[in-house]
């Protein structure tokens, strides 16, 4: 068989040439192979959606941080005080909504997982 031939076709031929396997064993192995591929395909799609959602959430955090900064700046201007830096510092320190580092870490972990899934798919000859 050529290297460019479909992995499933290669599996079919290998299973059919294995005289130690019954027809039921061959059918079971083919189903198992197809189920794994389907599961990895579905997982790949879900990882893609998760990465997209994490990007949207990070944008939301950035927009809200900018909005709070502008509100506090306006407050300082009207009241002639200098509370913006103090309040922003406390918010970033105490409120998880302003902690983009957690989102960045989650995104990094998700990208690593995506890479592992991608390598598994390539190893099995299924591409990305």
C-alpha atoms as a PDB file:
ATOM      1  CA  UNK A   1       0.000   0.000   0.000  1.00  0.00           C
ATOM      2  CA  UNK A   2       1.149   3.524  -0.762  1.00  0.00           C
ATOM      3  CA  UNK A   3       1.750   5.999   2.058  1.00  0.00           C
ATOM      4  CA  UNK A   4      -0.868   8.327   0.593  1.00  0.00           C
ATOM      5  CA  UNK A   5      -3.650   5.742   0.919  1.00  0.00           C
ATOM      6  CA  UNK A   6      -6.368   6.449   3.472  1.00  0.00           C
ATOM      7  CA  UNK A   7      -5.566   5.148   6.976  1.00  0.00           C
ATOM      8  CA  UNK A   8      -8.944   3.428   7.219  1.00  0.00           C
ATOM      9  CA  UNK A   9      -8.302   1.584   3.960  1.00  0.00           C
ATOM     10  CA  UNK A  10      -4.908   0.518   5.312  1.00  0.00           C
ATOM     11  CA  UNK A  11      -6.568  -0.730   8.489  1.00  0.00           C
ATOM     12  CA  UNK A  12      -9.207  -2.598   6.482  1.00  0.00           C
ATOM     13  CA  UNK A  13      -6.569  -4.385   4.432  1.00  0.00           C
ATOM     14  CA  UNK A  14      -4.428  -5.204   7.476  1.00  0.00           C
ATOM     15  CA  UNK A  15      -7.408  -6.582   9.370  1.00  0.00           C
ATOM     16  CA  UNK A  16      -8.609  -8.646   6.424  1.00  0.00           C
ATOM     17  CA  UNK A  17      -5.115 -10.124   5.940  1.00  0.00           C
ATOM     18  CA  UNK A  18      -4.897 -11.127   9.631  1.00  0.00           C
ATOM     19  CA  UNK A  19      -6.191 -14.693   9.445  1.00  0.00           C
ATOM     20  CA  UNK A  20      -6.268 -15.013  13.253  1.00  0.00           C
ATOM     21  CA  UNK A  21      -9.198 -12.570  13.458  1.00  0.00           C
ATOM     22  CA  UNK A  22     -12.798 -13.588  13.007  1.00  0.00           C
ATOM     23  CA  UNK A  23     -15.190 -11.480  10.957  1.00  0.00           C
ATOM     24  CA  UNK A  24     -16.728 -10.210  14.218  1.00  0.00           C
ATOM     25  CA  UNK A  25     -13.285  -9.214  15.516  1.00  0.00           C
ATOM     26  CA  UNK A  26     -12.535  -7.360  12.292  1.00  0.00           C
ATOM     27  CA  UNK A  27     -15.885  -5.545  12.398  1.00  0.00           C
ATOM     28  CA  UNK A  28     -15.353  -4.672  16.071  1.00  0.00           C
ATOM     29  CA  UNK A  29     -11.879  -3.237  15.423  1.00  0.00           C
ATOM     30  CA  UNK A  30     -13.180  -1.191  12.483  1.00  0.00           C
ATOM     31  CA  UNK A  31     -16.022   0.238  14.605  1.00  0.00           C
ATOM     32  CA  UNK A  32     -13.610   1.035  17.405  1.00  0.00           C
ATOM     33  CA  UNK A  33     -11.285   2.793  14.940  1.00  0.00           C
ATOM     34  CA  UNK A  34     -14.159   4.847  13.463  1.00  0.00           C
ATOM     35  CA  UNK A  35     -15.445   5.717  16.957  1.00  0.00           C
ATOM     36  CA  UNK A  36     -12.014   7.003  18.007  1.00  0.00           C
ATOM     37  CA  UNK A  37     -11.776   9.139  14.907  1.00  0.00           C
ATOM     38  CA  UNK A  38     -15.269  10.548  15.484  1.00  0.00           C
ATOM     39  CA  UNK A  39     -14.441  11.283  19.126  1.00  0.00           C
ATOM     40  CA  UNK A  40     -11.209  13.058  18.210  1.00  0.00           C
ATOM     41  CA  UNK A  41     -12.993  15.028  15.490  1.00  0.00           C
ATOM     42  CA  UNK A  42     -15.620  16.156  18.002  1.00  0.00           C
ATOM     43  CA  UNK A  43     -12.980  16.988  20.597  1.00  0.00           C
ATOM     44  CA  UNK A  44     -11.063  19.069  18.042  1.00  0.00           C
ATOM     45  CA  UNK A  45     -14.177  21.098  17.264  1.00  0.00           C
ATOM     46  CA  UNK A  46     -14.931  21.659  20.965  1.00  0.00           C
ATOM     47  CA  UNK A  47     -11.350  22.774  21.649  1.00  0.00           C
ATOM     48  CA  UNK A  48     -11.634  25.267  18.801  1.00  0.00           C
ATOM     49  CA  UNK A  49     -14.869  26.651  20.295  1.00  0.00           C
ATOM     50  CA  UNK A  50     -13.305  26.850  23.757  1.00  0.00           C
ATOM     51  CA  UNK A  51     -10.312  28.813  22.446  1.00  0.00           C
ATOM     52  CA  UNK A  52     -12.673  31.190  20.655  1.00  0.00           C
ATOM     53  CA  UNK A  53     -14.733  31.685  23.821  1.00  0.00           C
ATOM     54  CA  UNK A  54     -11.602  32.331  25.888  1.00  0.00           C
ATOM     55  CA  UNK A  55     -10.547  34.984  23.382  1.00  0.00           C
ATOM     56  CA  UNK A  56     -13.959  36.651  23.649  1.00  0.00           C
ATOM     57  CA  UNK A  57     -13.830  36.518  27.439  1.00  0.00           C
ATOM     58  CA  UNK A  58     -10.378  38.077  27.497  1.00  0.00           C
ATOM     59  CA  UNK A  59     -11.639  40.893  25.246  1.00  0.00           C
ATOM     60  CA  UNK A  60     -14.581  41.382  27.621  1.00  0.00           C
ATOM     61  CA  UNK A  61     -12.177  41.690  30.571  1.00  0.00           C
ATOM     62  CA  UNK A  62     -10.034  44.223  28.716  1.00  0.00           C
ATOM     63  CA  UNK A  63     -13.038  46.332  27.686  1.00  0.00           C
ATOM     64  CA  UNK A  64     -14.406  46.323  31.228  1.00  0.00           C
ATOM     65  CA  UNK A  65     -11.037  47.226  32.711  1.00  0.00           C
ATOM     66  CA  UNK A  66     -10.785  50.169  30.297  1.00  0.00           C
ATOM     67  CA  UNK A  67     -14.355  51.230  31.146  1.00  0.00           C
ATOM     68  CA  UNK A  68     -13.675  51.190  34.889  1.00  0.00           C
ATOM     69  CA  UNK A  69     -10.454  53.146  34.343  1.00  0.00           C
ATOM     70  CA  UNK A  70     -12.330  55.805  32.338  1.00  0.00           C
ATOM     71  CA  UNK A  71     -15.121  56.026  34.912  1.00  0.00           C
ATOM     72  CA  UNK A  72     -12.601  56.485  37.712  1.00  0.00           C
ATOM     73  CA  UNK A  73     -10.692  59.055  35.692  1.00  0.00           C
ATOM     74  CA  UNK A  74     -13.901  61.024  35.159  1.00  0.00           C
ATOM     75  CA  UNK A  75     -14.712  60.669  38.876  1.00  0.00           C
ATOM     76  CA  UNK A  76     -11.278  62.021  39.813  1.00  0.00           C
ATOM     77  CA  UNK A  77     -11.682  64.919  37.411  1.00  0.00           C
ATOM     78  CA  UNK A  78     -15.112  65.908  38.766  1.00  0.00           C
ATOM     79  CA  UNK A  79     -14.257  65.428  42.453  1.00  0.00           C
ATOM     80  CA  UNK A  80     -10.688  66.687  42.052  1.00  0.00           C
ATOM     81  CA  UNK A  81      -9.326  63.639  43.842  1.00  0.00           C
ATOM     82  CA  UNK A  82      -6.752  61.019  42.937  1.00  0.00           C
ATOM     83  CA  UNK A  83      -8.428  57.726  43.710  1.00  0.00           C
ATOM     84  CA  UNK A  84      -8.201  56.086  40.285  1.00  0.00           C
ATOM     85  CA  UNK A  85      -4.855  54.359  40.797  1.00  0.00           C
ATOM     86  CA  UNK A  86      -5.709  53.196  44.311  1.00  0.00           C
ATOM     87  CA  UNK A  87      -9.123  51.808  43.341  1.00  0.00           C
ATOM     88  CA  UNK A  88      -7.833  50.181  40.149  1.00  0.00           C
ATOM     89  CA  UNK A  89      -4.999  48.562  42.080  1.00  0.00           C
ATOM     90  CA  UNK A  90      -7.425  47.105  44.616  1.00  0.00           C
ATOM     91  CA  UNK A  91      -9.840  45.919  41.929  1.00  0.00           C
ATOM     92  CA  UNK A  92      -7.144  44.118  39.986  1.00  0.00           C
ATOM     93  CA  UNK A  93      -5.815  42.608  43.200  1.00  0.00           C
ATOM     94  CA  UNK A  94      -9.170  41.538  44.687  1.00  0.00           C
ATOM     95  CA  UNK A  95     -11.522  40.856  41.761  1.00  0.00           C
ATOM     96  CA  UNK A  96     -10.941  37.890  39.513  1.00  0.00           C
ATOM     97  CA  UNK A  97     -12.780  39.579  36.630  1.00  0.00           C
ATOM     98  CA  UNK A  98      -9.763  41.858  36.215  1.00  0.00           C
ATOM     99  CA  UNK A  99      -7.187  39.063  36.332  1.00  0.00           C
ATOM    100  CA  UNK A 100      -6.322  38.313  32.737  1.00  0.00           C
ATOM    101  CA  UNK A 101      -3.403  36.143  33.903  1.00  0.00           C
ATOM    102  CA  UNK A 102      -5.806  33.325  34.826  1.00  0.00           C
ATOM    103  CA  UNK A 103      -7.418  33.521  31.415  1.00  0.00           C
ATOM    104  CA  UNK A 104      -4.010  33.557  29.742  1.00  0.00           C
ATOM    105  CA  UNK A 105      -2.967  30.459  31.694  1.00  0.00           C
ATOM    106  CA  UNK A 106      -6.210  28.677  30.798  1.00  0.00           C
ATOM    107  CA  UNK A 107      -5.758  29.580  27.137  1.00  0.00           C
ATOM    108  CA  UNK A 108      -2.156  28.341  27.193  1.00  0.00           C
ATOM    109  CA  UNK A 109      -3.220  25.038  28.770  1.00  0.00           C
ATOM    110  CA  UNK A 110      -6.003  24.662  26.198  1.00  0.00           C
ATOM    111  CA  UNK A 111      -3.586  25.335  23.321  1.00  0.00           C
ATOM    112  CA  UNK A 112      -1.207  22.693  24.707  1.00  0.00           C
ATOM    113  CA  UNK A 113      -4.082  20.218  24.883  1.00  0.00           C
ATOM    114  CA  UNK A 114      -5.084  21.107  21.316  1.00  0.00           C
ATOM    115  CA  UNK A 115      -1.508  20.430  20.234  1.00  0.00           C
ATOM    116  CA  UNK A 116      -1.570  16.988  21.884  1.00  0.00           C
ATOM    117  CA  UNK A 117      -4.867  16.124  20.209  1.00  0.00           C
ATOM    118  CA  UNK A 118      -3.516  17.372  16.887  1.00  0.00           C
ATOM    119  CA  UNK A 119      -0.378  15.241  17.245  1.00  0.00           C
ATOM    120  CA  UNK A 120      -2.519  12.204  18.073  1.00  0.00           C
ATOM    121  CA  UNK A 121      -4.654  12.825  14.988  1.00  0.00           C
ATOM    122  CA  UNK A 122      -1.549  13.203  12.802  1.00  0.00           C
ATOM    123  CA  UNK A 123      -0.005  10.084  14.337  1.00  0.00           C
ATOM    124  CA  UNK A 124      -3.117   8.159  13.369  1.00  0.00           C
ATOM    125  CA  UNK A 125      -3.033   9.668   9.872  1.00  0.00           C
ATOM    126  CA  UNK A 126      -6.233  11.671  10.264  1.00  0.00           C
ATOM    127  CA  UNK A 127      -4.821  15.171   9.804  1.00  0.00           C
ATOM    128  CA  UNK A 128      -6.167  18.187  11.617  1.00  0.00           C
END
